[in-house]
Amino acid sequence: MGSKINLRWFSEHADQDQVVAAARQTADRWVGVLSDYDPKSEAMVASTQADSGNFIPLSDSLWSVVQMCDQWYRWSDGAFDAALGALTALRRQRRQATSDQWEDARSKVGWHFVELDATNQAIRFTVPGVRLDFGAIGKGIVVDRITERFATMGISRYVVNASGNMRIGEAPSDTSGWPIAIDVPAGGATYTAKELLRMRISRCGIATSGDRWQRFPDEAGAKRNDATSHIIDPKTKRGVTGSQSVTIVAESAADADAAATATCVRAHNDLAGWLQTLSEKKPKLQTIVLLKDEASEVIRMISSASELSTV
């Protein structure tokens, strides 16, 4: 799914080659289920078949993910949406798209076009051309599945990291947890990070989303400086604007991944109400939201631990 997966673990019994092979095998299997790059993945094949308007049965694996996405869509009032594939594919293509292509893509995005048949584990689209895109939860799911495989191998102390989407196991011996640092949000991959916060955590998932690394155009003729976040606001059908970074600590990497994306979308739209919803749906989930004022360079930090602070 376009991400490197880094592994760290402690075990007196597991052979290194076996551990790496197990992680690779698990990741490859789930990429084959979820990828929106591979036309032969389960998600892409199901999307194409669902263009017929008929219910298409899904495997247990893909159905479990679709159910998670449906739940997060409802919880977030549409801020999390896994049916944006037609638009994400257009945004990341290298050739310049026409105005008609942008309009066509925007007419085919949105979870409201998705219908589920729970009895038969099946899916259909009410308009052809809708495409599933699990970019807001997929890496978290892959990471979670790798750590489930680790459990069968007797490995309980680990960090599995897929581009900042992490699942963290028990703390190493004689420590209070694995060290995690959170940087000040800033634009550009060449920016030298400034560490804002350091903490130690264990037995959880953690994910950070924001606009620092990936930016894409939203319309025909868009200049490089006009590009917006890779995270799409499903209501505007454009990339999220404003500099922000959201870190979520949750019980699973999938929940952290989904919540981080939804919170970026809701960062300037009743953020307080959304954080309250999160606390009700996922009481153990912790949030750290960093909002940067572009004019003054002041960064506000809003978290579940402290109401408001400035750095």
Foldseek 3Di string as FASTA:
>chain_A
DPWDKDKDFDDPPDDPVVLVVLLVVLLVVLCLAAPPVDCNRVQNVQLQVLQVVDWDAGDPVNLVVVVVQVVLCVLLVNLRFFFLSLLLVQFPDDDFDAQVSLVVSLVQGDCVQWDADVVRNTIHGVHRDTGTHCPLQSVQVSQQSSVVVVVVVVTFAMWMDTPFWIFGGAADPPDPADKDWDFAFDADPPDDTDTDDIDGDHQWIKGKDWQHPDWTDNGGPDDPVRTARSQARSVVRHHQDFGKMKMKIANTSSVRSNLNSSLSNCVPPPNVVSVVSCCVVGVVMKMWMWGADPVVRWIWIDIPVDHIDTD
